[in-house]
Amino acid sequence: MFRKTISMLTCLTALAVAGVLSAEDVKIKAITLDVPKSWEQQPASNRLRLAEFKIKPAEGETDAEIVVYSFGGGGGGVAANISRWVKQFEAEGREVNVTEGKSKAGEYVLVDVSGTYNKPVGPPIRQQTEKTPNSRMLAAIINVGEEGNYFLKLTGGKKTIESEVESFRKSFGADKSSEKPFEQ
C-alpha cells in the first residue's frame, strides 16, 4: 500500500511538473476552456466581456490579457473581425498570419498579428488608443453552432505572447499541426 501511494504521488508530481495537471476547466456559457493556472481570472470589466484573464508579463513588458466575448450570433462576420483586429496594429512593420482549424469547441479561425498595437484606452465609446510597440495579438473566432461565435483575444508584449501561444491554442482544444491557411 505504501509503495503504491508513493508511486502514485511520484506520477502525480511528474504530471504536474510536465504541466499536465496545471490547468483547470473554466465553463463560459457554451464553451469550456482549459485554462492554465498561470492565467489569473479577473472580474469582467464591462458587460460585453464574458471572461477576462491576466497573464504575468515577461520582463520589461506590460500586462497581457485574455478576453472572451460572445454576442449570441452577432459581433460581425469572420472577415470583418479579422480586418478590425489587423487594423488595430500600425501598417508599418505589421506581421499577420491567419489560419483555420477544428477544435473541441468548434471550427475556428486564428489571427496572429504583431507590430505596434493601438491599444484601446478607456471606454470603447471614446475610441481612444495608445501606441504600444513590440506587441502581439492572438485572436480566435470559434463557431459553436447555434450559440454563434465566441471570440478569444490575447494581447500583450511579443515575448509574453510568444510564451503563451500553445497555452492559448490548448485552451480551446486547437492543434497547430492540423491548421491550414485561412481562405475567405
Protein backbone atom coordinates (compact mmCIF):
# COMPACT_ATOMS: atom_id res chain seq x y z
CA MET A 1 0.00 0.00 0.00
CA PHE A 2 2.75 2.43 0.97
CA ARG A 3 4.70 1.76 -2.26
CA LYS A 4 1.55 2.25 -4.38
CA THR A 5 0.89 5.58 -2.64
CA ILE A 6 4.48 6.73 -3.18
CA SER A 7 4.33 5.61 -6.84
CA MET A 8 1.06 7.46 -7.37
CA LEU A 9 2.44 10.63 -5.73
CA THR A 10 5.58 10.37 -7.87
CA CYS A 11 3.43 10.08 -11.02
CA LEU A 12 1.21 12.99 -9.99
CA THR A 13 4.26 15.14 -9.24
CA ALA A 14 5.77 14.27 -12.63
CA LEU A 15 2.49 15.16 -14.37
CA ALA A 16 2.27 18.47 -12.51
CA VAL A 17 5.87 19.34 -13.42
CA ALA A 18 5.12 18.44 -17.06
CA GLY A 19 2.16 20.81 -16.99
CA VAL A 20 -0.49 18.13 -17.40
CA LEU A 21 -2.18 18.95 -14.08
CA SER A 22 -1.53 22.67 -14.20
CA ALA A 23 -4.81 23.65 -15.87
CA GLU A 24 -8.45 23.72 -14.94
CA ASP A 25 -11.65 23.70 -16.95
CA VAL A 26 -13.50 27.01 -16.91
CA LYS A 27 -17.03 26.96 -18.33
CA ILE A 28 -18.01 30.19 -20.08
CA LYS A 29 -21.57 29.82 -21.34
CA ALA A 30 -21.41 27.38 -24.31
CA ILE A 31 -17.65 26.71 -24.21
CA THR A 32 -15.28 25.22 -21.69
CA LEU A 33 -11.70 26.45 -21.73
CA ASP A 34 -8.70 24.52 -20.44
CA VAL A 35 -7.14 27.40 -18.52
CA PRO A 36 -3.54 27.21 -17.26
CA LYS A 37 -3.04 28.08 -13.60
CA SER A 38 -0.81 30.96 -14.77
CA TRP A 39 -3.86 32.76 -16.21
CA GLU A 40 -5.38 34.72 -13.36
CA GLN A 41 -9.14 35.10 -13.81
CA GLN A 42 -10.41 38.64 -13.27
CA PRO A 43 -13.91 40.05 -12.91
CA ALA A 44 -15.26 41.16 -16.29
CA SER A 45 -14.50 44.87 -16.64
CA ASN A 46 -17.58 45.59 -18.76
CA ARG A 47 -20.84 43.95 -19.76
CA LEU A 48 -19.57 42.88 -23.19
CA ARG A 49 -16.89 40.63 -21.72
CA LEU A 50 -17.84 37.12 -20.63
CA ALA A 51 -14.49 36.43 -19.00
CA GLU A 52 -11.07 38.01 -18.50
CA PHE A 53 -7.70 36.62 -17.53
CA LYS A 54 -4.41 38.36 -16.75
CA ILE A 55 -1.04 36.87 -17.58
CA LYS A 56 2.17 37.79 -15.84
CA PRO A 57 4.25 39.73 -18.38
CA ALA A 58 7.76 38.87 -19.49
CA GLU A 59 10.46 41.11 -18.04
CA GLY A 60 10.22 44.64 -19.42
CA GLU A 61 6.70 44.19 -20.82
CA THR A 62 3.30 45.35 -19.62
CA ASP A 63 0.43 43.11 -18.56
CA ALA A 64 -1.12 40.73 -21.04
CA GLU A 65 -4.79 39.85 -21.02
CA ILE A 66 -7.18 37.35 -22.50
CA VAL A 67 -10.74 38.43 -23.06
CA VAL A 68 -13.67 36.19 -24.03
CA TYR A 69 -16.67 37.66 -25.86
CA SER A 70 -19.85 36.30 -27.40
CA PHE A 71 -22.68 38.26 -28.92
CA GLY A 72 -25.14 35.39 -29.44
CA GLY A 73 -24.90 35.29 -33.22
CA GLY A 74 -23.90 38.96 -33.56
CA GLY A 75 -20.50 40.56 -33.40
CA GLY A 76 -19.90 40.78 -37.12
CA GLY A 77 -18.68 38.19 -39.55
CA VAL A 78 -15.32 36.46 -39.57
CA ALA A 79 -13.82 38.71 -42.27
CA ALA A 80 -14.99 41.90 -40.51
CA ASN A 81 -13.41 40.82 -37.22
CA ILE A 82 -10.14 39.82 -38.87
CA SER A 83 -10.00 43.19 -40.62
CA ARG A 84 -10.78 45.08 -37.39
CA TRP A 85 -8.12 43.22 -35.41
CA VAL A 86 -5.45 43.66 -38.08
CA LYS A 87 -6.22 47.39 -38.32
CA GLN A 88 -5.61 47.72 -34.56
CA PHE A 89 -1.92 47.47 -35.50
CA GLU A 90 0.04 50.13 -37.38
CA ALA A 91 0.55 49.14 -41.04
CA GLU A 92 4.30 49.79 -40.90
CA GLY A 93 6.08 46.69 -39.57
CA ARG A 94 2.87 44.75 -39.06
CA GLU A 95 3.02 40.95 -39.47
CA VAL A 96 -0.16 38.94 -39.95
CA ASN A 97 -0.87 35.22 -40.12
CA VAL A 98 -4.42 33.83 -40.32
CA THR A 99 -5.15 30.10 -40.06
CA GLU A 100 -8.20 27.91 -39.55
CA GLY A 101 -8.87 24.57 -37.96
CA LYS A 102 -11.19 22.42 -35.89
CA SER A 103 -11.10 22.18 -32.11
CA LYS A 104 -13.08 20.52 -29.34
CA ALA A 105 -15.07 23.78 -29.08
CA GLY A 106 -15.82 24.05 -32.81
CA GLU A 107 -14.34 25.26 -36.09
CA TYR A 108 -12.11 28.28 -35.59
CA VAL A 109 -10.10 30.99 -37.27
CA LEU A 110 -6.90 32.12 -35.53
CA VAL A 111 -5.46 35.57 -36.20
CA ASP A 112 -1.85 36.25 -35.18
CA VAL A 113 -0.79 39.90 -35.53
CA SER A 114 2.34 41.64 -34.30
CA GLY A 115 3.81 45.14 -34.50
CA THR A 116 2.72 48.42 -32.94
CA TYR A 117 -0.66 47.90 -31.29
CA ASN A 118 -3.13 50.75 -30.93
CA LYS A 119 -4.25 49.59 -27.51
CA PRO A 120 -7.76 50.75 -26.53
CA VAL A 121 -7.73 53.07 -23.53
CA GLY A 122 -10.85 53.96 -21.58
CA PRO A 123 -14.45 53.23 -22.53
CA PRO A 124 -14.90 51.75 -26.04
CA ILE A 125 -17.32 54.53 -26.99
CA ARG A 126 -14.48 57.09 -26.76
CA GLN A 127 -12.34 55.14 -29.27
CA GLN A 128 -9.09 56.31 -27.68
CA THR A 129 -5.90 54.32 -28.17
CA GLU A 130 -2.29 54.28 -27.05
CA LYS A 131 0.51 53.18 -29.38
CA THR A 132 2.23 50.12 -27.90
CA PRO A 133 5.25 48.91 -29.92
CA ASN A 134 6.54 45.32 -29.84
CA SER A 135 3.07 43.92 -29.24
CA ARG A 136 1.31 40.80 -30.38
CA MET A 137 -2.28 39.61 -30.54
CA LEU A 138 -3.71 36.14 -30.87
CA ALA A 139 -7.43 36.22 -31.56
CA ALA A 140 -9.69 33.25 -32.20
CA ILE A 141 -13.17 33.16 -33.62
CA ILE A 142 -14.75 29.88 -32.59
CA ASN A 143 -18.03 28.80 -34.16
CA VAL A 144 -20.04 26.88 -31.58
CA GLY A 145 -23.08 26.21 -33.74
CA GLU A 146 -26.42 27.61 -32.61
CA GLU A 147 -24.69 29.68 -29.91
CA GLY A 148 -22.90 31.66 -32.62
CA ASN A 149 -19.28 32.73 -32.46
CA TYR A 150 -17.10 33.07 -29.40
CA PHE A 151 -14.16 35.45 -29.59
CA LEU A 152 -10.97 34.94 -27.59
CA LYS A 153 -8.43 37.73 -27.75
CA LEU A 154 -4.97 37.60 -26.16
CA THR A 155 -2.92 40.81 -26.29
CA GLY A 156 0.37 41.87 -24.78
CA GLY A 157 4.09 42.20 -25.41
CA LYS A 158 5.69 39.95 -28.03
CA LYS A 159 7.78 37.96 -25.55
CA THR A 160 4.84 37.38 -23.23
CA ILE A 161 2.52 36.26 -26.01
CA GLU A 162 5.21 34.04 -27.54
CA SER A 163 5.36 32.11 -24.27
CA GLU A 164 1.56 31.66 -24.29
CA VAL A 165 0.88 30.63 -27.91
CA GLU A 166 0.48 26.91 -27.20
CA SER A 167 -1.48 27.52 -23.98
CA PHE A 168 -3.84 29.78 -25.90
CA ARG A 169 -4.45 27.15 -28.58
CA LYS A 170 -4.78 24.40 -25.99
CA SER A 171 -7.34 26.44 -24.03
CA PHE A 172 -9.99 25.80 -26.70
CA GLY A 173 -8.64 22.49 -27.99
CA ALA A 174 -6.83 23.70 -31.11
CA ASP A 175 -3.94 21.82 -32.70
CA LYS A 176 -1.42 23.79 -34.76
CA SER A 177 -0.42 20.72 -36.79
CA SER A 178 -3.93 20.46 -38.25
CA GLU A 179 -4.34 24.16 -39.09
CA LYS A 180 -4.29 25.41 -42.64
CA PRO A 181 -4.12 28.93 -44.11
CA PHE A 182 -7.46 30.71 -43.80
CA GLU A 183 -9.44 31.07 -47.01
CA GLN A 184 -12.25 33.59 -47.05
